[in-house]
């Protein structure tokens, strides 16, 4: 009886060793978008912060400078809330920009005045639309209800930033003509 019990325990151990990684992997796979959302949203916020600081220095337009201030304030609030959610669920915020984002910053660093304003606002339009798309997808696809709620709460502000970027881009582009 004791020998049979040992075999059963060994057999159960083997089955668990084979099967349990599949369950863990399935859980990780189900949260893959959640992790991607946190990473991309934090990369975006970091980039907006860095490039908006540059806008305060290189822009000639009071409207662009004001937009940059509003973006800086909005990104700080967004990252603070995202950091809290990430900490509770062991998600990791990105501490770096993507290569494309670094290249955009390098390009903008060499521009000033009207040229800077047009290029900065053009980039903002594209980036803000990408974030609207990301936040809309997160509202629907995040497994974690806190992240879904976060995306849902922040989406109107992200859309406002996009709309303001579009409007300001038209103004600075027309001014340069």
C-alpha atoms as a PDB file:
ATOM      1  CA  UNK A   1       0.000   0.000   0.000  1.00  0.00           C
ATOM      2  CA  UNK A   2       2.789   2.364   0.881  1.00  0.00           C
ATOM      3  CA  UNK A   3       4.517   1.632  -2.407  1.00  0.00           C
ATOM      4  CA  UNK A   4       1.308   2.235  -4.369  1.00  0.00           C
ATOM      5  CA  UNK A   5       0.809   5.541  -2.555  1.00  0.00           C
ATOM      6  CA  UNK A   6       4.363   6.578  -3.512  1.00  0.00           C
ATOM      7  CA  UNK A   7       3.729   5.766  -7.179  1.00  0.00           C
ATOM      8  CA  UNK A   8       0.501   7.753  -7.152  1.00  0.00           C
ATOM      9  CA  UNK A   9       2.265  10.731  -5.559  1.00  0.00           C
ATOM     10  CA  UNK A  10       5.067  10.559  -8.130  1.00  0.00           C
ATOM     11  CA  UNK A  11       2.540  10.274 -10.949  1.00  0.00           C
ATOM     12  CA  UNK A  12       0.564  13.274  -9.657  1.00  0.00           C
ATOM     13  CA  UNK A  13       3.822  15.222  -9.351  1.00  0.00           C
ATOM     14  CA  UNK A  14       4.744  14.448 -12.948  1.00  0.00           C
ATOM     15  CA  UNK A  15       1.294  15.385 -14.224  1.00  0.00           C
ATOM     16  CA  UNK A  16       1.375  18.675 -12.322  1.00  0.00           C
ATOM     17  CA  UNK A  17       4.876  19.445 -13.604  1.00  0.00           C
ATOM     18  CA  UNK A  18       3.701  18.940 -17.173  1.00  0.00           C
ATOM     19  CA  UNK A  19       0.289  20.585 -16.941  1.00  0.00           C
ATOM     20  CA  UNK A  20       0.804  23.536 -14.571  1.00  0.00           C
ATOM     21  CA  UNK A  21       3.124  25.547 -16.882  1.00  0.00           C
ATOM     22  CA  UNK A  22       0.356  25.483 -19.470  1.00  0.00           C
ATOM     23  CA  UNK A  23      -2.054  27.078 -17.005  1.00  0.00           C
ATOM     24  CA  UNK A  24       0.514  29.697 -16.015  1.00  0.00           C
ATOM     25  CA  UNK A  25       1.261  30.410 -19.675  1.00  0.00           C
ATOM     26  CA  UNK A  26      -2.455  30.727 -20.420  1.00  0.00           C
ATOM     27  CA  UNK A  27      -2.785  33.268 -17.623  1.00  0.00           C
ATOM     28  CA  UNK A  28       0.259  35.166 -18.919  1.00  0.00           C
ATOM     29  CA  UNK A  29      -1.144  35.082 -22.463  1.00  0.00           C
ATOM     30  CA  UNK A  30      -4.473  36.443 -21.262  1.00  0.00           C
ATOM     31  CA  UNK A  31      -2.672  39.412 -19.695  1.00  0.00           C
ATOM     32  CA  UNK A  32      -0.327  39.981 -22.630  1.00  0.00           C
ATOM     33  CA  UNK A  33      -2.351  42.932 -23.925  1.00  0.00           C
ATOM     34  CA  UNK A  34      -2.586  44.394 -20.405  1.00  0.00           C
ATOM     35  CA  UNK A  35       1.207  44.365 -20.132  1.00  0.00           C
ATOM     36  CA  UNK A  36       1.585  45.809 -23.626  1.00  0.00           C
ATOM     37  CA  UNK A  37      -0.893  48.560 -22.838  1.00  0.00           C
ATOM     38  CA  UNK A  38       0.995  49.574 -19.683  1.00  0.00           C
ATOM     39  CA  UNK A  39       4.308  49.519 -21.549  1.00  0.00           C
ATOM     40  CA  UNK A  40       3.084  51.513 -24.553  1.00  0.00           C
ATOM     41  CA  UNK A  41       1.113  54.026 -22.500  1.00  0.00           C
ATOM     42  CA  UNK A  42       4.138  54.685 -20.290  1.00  0.00           C
ATOM     43  CA  UNK A  43       6.476  55.001 -23.313  1.00  0.00           C
ATOM     44  CA  UNK A  44       4.044  57.454 -24.838  1.00  0.00           C
ATOM     45  CA  UNK A  45       3.753  59.487 -21.631  1.00  0.00           C
ATOM     46  CA  UNK A  46       7.529  59.618 -21.245  1.00  0.00           C
ATOM     47  CA  UNK A  47       7.916  60.770 -24.832  1.00  0.00           C
ATOM     48  CA  UNK A  48       5.191  63.405 -24.491  1.00  0.00           C
ATOM     49  CA  UNK A  49       6.888  64.706 -21.366  1.00  0.00           C
ATOM     50  CA  UNK A  50      10.308  64.925 -23.003  1.00  0.00           C
ATOM     51  CA  UNK A  51       9.135  66.439 -26.277  1.00  0.00           C
ATOM     52  CA  UNK A  52       6.730  68.863 -24.596  1.00  0.00           C
ATOM     53  CA  UNK A  53       9.589  70.205 -22.464  1.00  0.00           C
ATOM     54  CA  UNK A  54      11.444  70.757 -25.717  1.00  0.00           C
ATOM     55  CA  UNK A  55       8.402  72.630 -27.081  1.00  0.00           C
ATOM     56  CA  UNK A  56       8.527  75.070 -24.193  1.00  0.00           C
ATOM     57  CA  UNK A  57      12.093  75.960 -25.214  1.00  0.00           C
ATOM     58  CA  UNK A  58      11.993  75.835 -29.016  1.00  0.00           C
ATOM     59  CA  UNK A  59       8.525  77.111 -29.864  1.00  0.00           C
ATOM     60  CA  UNK A  60       7.712  80.642 -30.859  1.00  0.00           C
ATOM     61  CA  UNK A  61       3.949  80.224 -30.512  1.00  0.00           C
ATOM     62  CA  UNK A  62       2.200  80.985 -27.224  1.00  0.00           C
ATOM     63  CA  UNK A  63      -0.478  78.476 -28.252  1.00  0.00           C
ATOM     64  CA  UNK A  64       2.083  75.700 -28.734  1.00  0.00           C
ATOM     65  CA  UNK A  65       3.770  76.547 -25.436  1.00  0.00           C
ATOM     66  CA  UNK A  66       0.414  76.464 -23.659  1.00  0.00           C
ATOM     67  CA  UNK A  67      -0.436  73.139 -25.320  1.00  0.00           C
ATOM     68  CA  UNK A  68       2.922  71.754 -24.142  1.00  0.00           C
ATOM     69  CA  UNK A  69       2.170  72.869 -20.556  1.00  0.00           C
ATOM     70  CA  UNK A  70      -1.236  71.194 -20.651  1.00  0.00           C
ATOM     71  CA  UNK A  71       0.324  68.013 -22.048  1.00  0.00           C
ATOM     72  CA  UNK A  72       2.964  67.997 -19.300  1.00  0.00           C
ATOM     73  CA  UNK A  73       0.318  68.341 -16.616  1.00  0.00           C
ATOM     74  CA  UNK A  74      -1.912  65.702 -18.210  1.00  0.00           C
ATOM     75  CA  UNK A  75       0.926  63.214 -18.645  1.00  0.00           C
ATOM     76  CA  UNK A  76       2.005  63.573 -15.033  1.00  0.00           C
ATOM     77  CA  UNK A  77      -1.502  62.760 -13.836  1.00  0.00           C
ATOM     78  CA  UNK A  78      -1.830  59.876 -16.273  1.00  0.00           C
ATOM     79  CA  UNK A  79       1.511  58.322 -15.284  1.00  0.00           C
ATOM     80  CA  UNK A  80       0.840  58.739 -11.564  1.00  0.00           C
ATOM     81  CA  UNK A  81      -2.424  56.834 -11.855  1.00  0.00           C
ATOM     82  CA  UNK A  82      -0.969  54.230 -14.212  1.00  0.00           C
ATOM     83  CA  UNK A  83       1.976  53.701 -11.836  1.00  0.00           C
ATOM     84  CA  UNK A  84      -0.402  52.949  -8.963  1.00  0.00           C
ATOM     85  CA  UNK A  85      -2.341  50.390 -10.992  1.00  0.00           C
ATOM     86  CA  UNK A  86       0.870  48.822 -12.306  1.00  0.00           C
ATOM     87  CA  UNK A  87       2.301  48.530  -8.796  1.00  0.00           C
ATOM     88  CA  UNK A  88      -0.800  46.726  -7.514  1.00  0.00           C
ATOM     89  CA  UNK A  89      -0.732  44.197 -10.336  1.00  0.00           C
ATOM     90  CA  UNK A  90       3.013  43.792 -10.874  1.00  0.00           C
ATOM     91  CA  UNK A  91       2.992  45.385 -14.326  1.00  0.00           C
ATOM     92  CA  UNK A  92       6.055  47.340 -15.318  1.00  0.00           C
ATOM     93  CA  UNK A  93       6.118  50.828 -16.734  1.00  0.00           C
ATOM     94  CA  UNK A  94       8.650  51.441 -19.452  1.00  0.00           C
ATOM     95  CA  UNK A  95      11.547  53.663 -18.481  1.00  0.00           C
ATOM     96  CA  UNK A  96      12.650  54.339 -22.033  1.00  0.00           C
ATOM     97  CA  UNK A  97      11.358  55.663 -25.327  1.00  0.00           C
ATOM     98  CA  UNK A  98      11.199  53.573 -28.479  1.00  0.00           C
ATOM     99  CA  UNK A  99      13.838  54.129 -31.148  1.00  0.00           C
ATOM    100  CA  UNK A 100      11.262  55.942 -33.309  1.00  0.00           C
ATOM    101  CA  UNK A 101      10.414  58.238 -30.398  1.00  0.00           C
ATOM    102  CA  UNK A 102      14.097  58.991 -29.735  1.00  0.00           C
ATOM    103  CA  UNK A 103      14.605  59.777 -33.422  1.00  0.00           C
ATOM    104  CA  UNK A 104      11.619  62.146 -33.395  1.00  0.00           C
ATOM    105  CA  UNK A 105      13.047  63.954 -30.380  1.00  0.00           C
ATOM    106  CA  UNK A 106      16.499  64.232 -32.016  1.00  0.00           C
ATOM    107  CA  UNK A 107      14.915  65.675 -35.155  1.00  0.00           C
ATOM    108  CA  UNK A 108      12.857  68.196 -33.198  1.00  0.00           C
ATOM    109  CA  UNK A 109      15.850  69.300 -31.106  1.00  0.00           C
ATOM    110  CA  UNK A 110      17.350  70.924 -34.202  1.00  0.00           C
ATOM    111  CA  UNK A 111      14.259  72.940 -35.113  1.00  0.00           C
ATOM    112  CA  UNK A 112      13.135  76.300 -33.743  1.00  0.00           C
ATOM    113  CA  UNK A 113      10.311  78.785 -34.048  1.00  0.00           C
ATOM    114  CA  UNK A 114       7.753  78.192 -36.819  1.00  0.00           C
ATOM    115  CA  UNK A 115       9.545  75.128 -38.227  1.00  0.00           C
ATOM    116  CA  UNK A 116       9.529  73.545 -34.794  1.00  0.00           C
ATOM    117  CA  UNK A 117       5.876  74.418 -34.203  1.00  0.00           C
ATOM    118  CA  UNK A 118       4.686  72.787 -37.413  1.00  0.00           C
ATOM    119  CA  UNK A 119       6.761  69.613 -36.953  1.00  0.00           C
ATOM    120  CA  UNK A 120       5.953  69.298 -33.252  1.00  0.00           C
ATOM    121  CA  UNK A 121       2.219  69.686 -33.795  1.00  0.00           C
ATOM    122  CA  UNK A 122       2.323  67.331 -36.781  1.00  0.00           C
ATOM    123  CA  UNK A 123       3.932  64.673 -34.565  1.00  0.00           C
ATOM    124  CA  UNK A 124       1.422  65.376 -31.813  1.00  0.00           C
ATOM    125  CA  UNK A 125      -1.491  64.718 -34.169  1.00  0.00           C
ATOM    126  CA  UNK A 126      -0.092  61.319 -35.140  1.00  0.00           C
ATOM    127  CA  UNK A 127       0.917  60.336 -31.598  1.00  0.00           C
ATOM    128  CA  UNK A 128      -2.356  61.436 -30.039  1.00  0.00           C
ATOM    129  CA  UNK A 129      -4.356  59.458 -32.610  1.00  0.00           C
ATOM    130  CA  UNK A 130      -2.234  56.388 -31.878  1.00  0.00           C
ATOM    131  CA  UNK A 131      -2.993  56.827 -28.184  1.00  0.00           C
ATOM    132  CA  UNK A 132      -6.713  57.203 -28.819  1.00  0.00           C
ATOM    133  CA  UNK A 133      -6.559  53.914 -30.716  1.00  0.00           C
ATOM    134  CA  UNK A 134      -4.569  52.235 -27.911  1.00  0.00           C
ATOM    135  CA  UNK A 135      -6.910  53.465 -25.161  1.00  0.00           C
ATOM    136  CA  UNK A 136     -10.015  52.453 -27.125  1.00  0.00           C
ATOM    137  CA  UNK A 137      -8.567  48.985 -27.586  1.00  0.00           C
ATOM    138  CA  UNK A 138      -7.622  48.806 -23.892  1.00  0.00           C
ATOM    139  CA  UNK A 139     -11.194  49.674 -22.883  1.00  0.00           C
ATOM    140  CA  UNK A 140     -12.342  46.577 -24.714  1.00  0.00           C
ATOM    141  CA  UNK A 141      -9.465  44.114 -24.422  1.00  0.00           C
ATOM    142  CA  UNK A 142      -7.739  44.573 -21.078  1.00  0.00           C
ATOM    143  CA  UNK A 143      -8.374  41.605 -18.819  1.00  0.00           C
ATOM    144  CA  UNK A 144      -7.660  43.601 -15.679  1.00  0.00           C
ATOM    145  CA  UNK A 145     -10.726  45.622 -14.728  1.00  0.00           C
ATOM    146  CA  UNK A 146      -8.565  48.372 -13.183  1.00  0.00           C
ATOM    147  CA  UNK A 147      -6.763  48.893 -16.481  1.00  0.00           C
ATOM    148  CA  UNK A 148     -10.046  48.806 -18.411  1.00  0.00           C
ATOM    149  CA  UNK A 149     -11.458  51.417 -16.048  1.00  0.00           C
ATOM    150  CA  UNK A 150      -8.311  53.512 -16.311  1.00  0.00           C
ATOM    151  CA  UNK A 151      -8.466  53.449 -20.120  1.00  0.00           C
ATOM    152  CA  UNK A 152     -12.170  54.309 -20.032  1.00  0.00           C
ATOM    153  CA  UNK A 153     -11.634  57.253 -17.642  1.00  0.00           C
ATOM    154  CA  UNK A 154      -8.633  58.643 -19.525  1.00  0.00           C
ATOM    155  CA  UNK A 155      -9.943  58.203 -23.065  1.00  0.00           C
ATOM    156  CA  UNK A 156     -11.937  61.491 -23.135  1.00  0.00           C
ATOM    157  CA  UNK A 157      -8.825  63.441 -22.086  1.00  0.00           C
ATOM    158  CA  UNK A 158      -6.703  61.641 -24.688  1.00  0.00           C
ATOM    159  CA  UNK A 159      -9.301  62.521 -27.331  1.00  0.00           C
ATOM    160  CA  UNK A 160      -9.248  66.151 -26.185  1.00  0.00           C
ATOM    161  CA  UNK A 161      -5.467  66.231 -26.580  1.00  0.00           C
ATOM    162  CA  UNK A 162      -5.836  64.778 -30.081  1.00  0.00           C
ATOM    163  CA  UNK A 163      -8.501  67.315 -31.053  1.00  0.00           C
ATOM    164  CA  UNK A 164      -6.481  70.211 -29.634  1.00  0.00           C
ATOM    165  CA  UNK A 165      -3.372  68.994 -31.463  1.00  0.00           C
ATOM    166  CA  UNK A 166      -5.297  68.845 -34.734  1.00  0.00           C
ATOM    167  CA  UNK A 167      -6.689  72.348 -34.294  1.00  0.00           C
ATOM    168  CA  UNK A 168      -3.371  73.851 -33.250  1.00  0.00           C
ATOM    169  CA  UNK A 169      -1.547  72.105 -36.090  1.00  0.00           C
ATOM    170  CA  UNK A 170      -3.833  73.796 -38.605  1.00  0.00           C
ATOM    171  CA  UNK A 171      -3.147  77.181 -37.017  1.00  0.00           C
ATOM    172  CA  UNK A 172       0.639  76.880 -36.956  1.00  0.00           C
ATOM    173  CA  UNK A 173       0.708  75.420 -40.471  1.00  0.00           C
ATOM    174  CA  UNK A 174      -1.426  78.305 -41.823  1.00  0.00           C
ATOM    175  CA  UNK A 175       0.753  80.818 -39.980  1.00  0.00           C
ATOM    176  CA  UNK A 176       3.906  79.488 -41.643  1.00  0.00           C
ATOM    177  CA  UNK A 177       2.476  80.032 -45.138  1.00  0.00           C
END
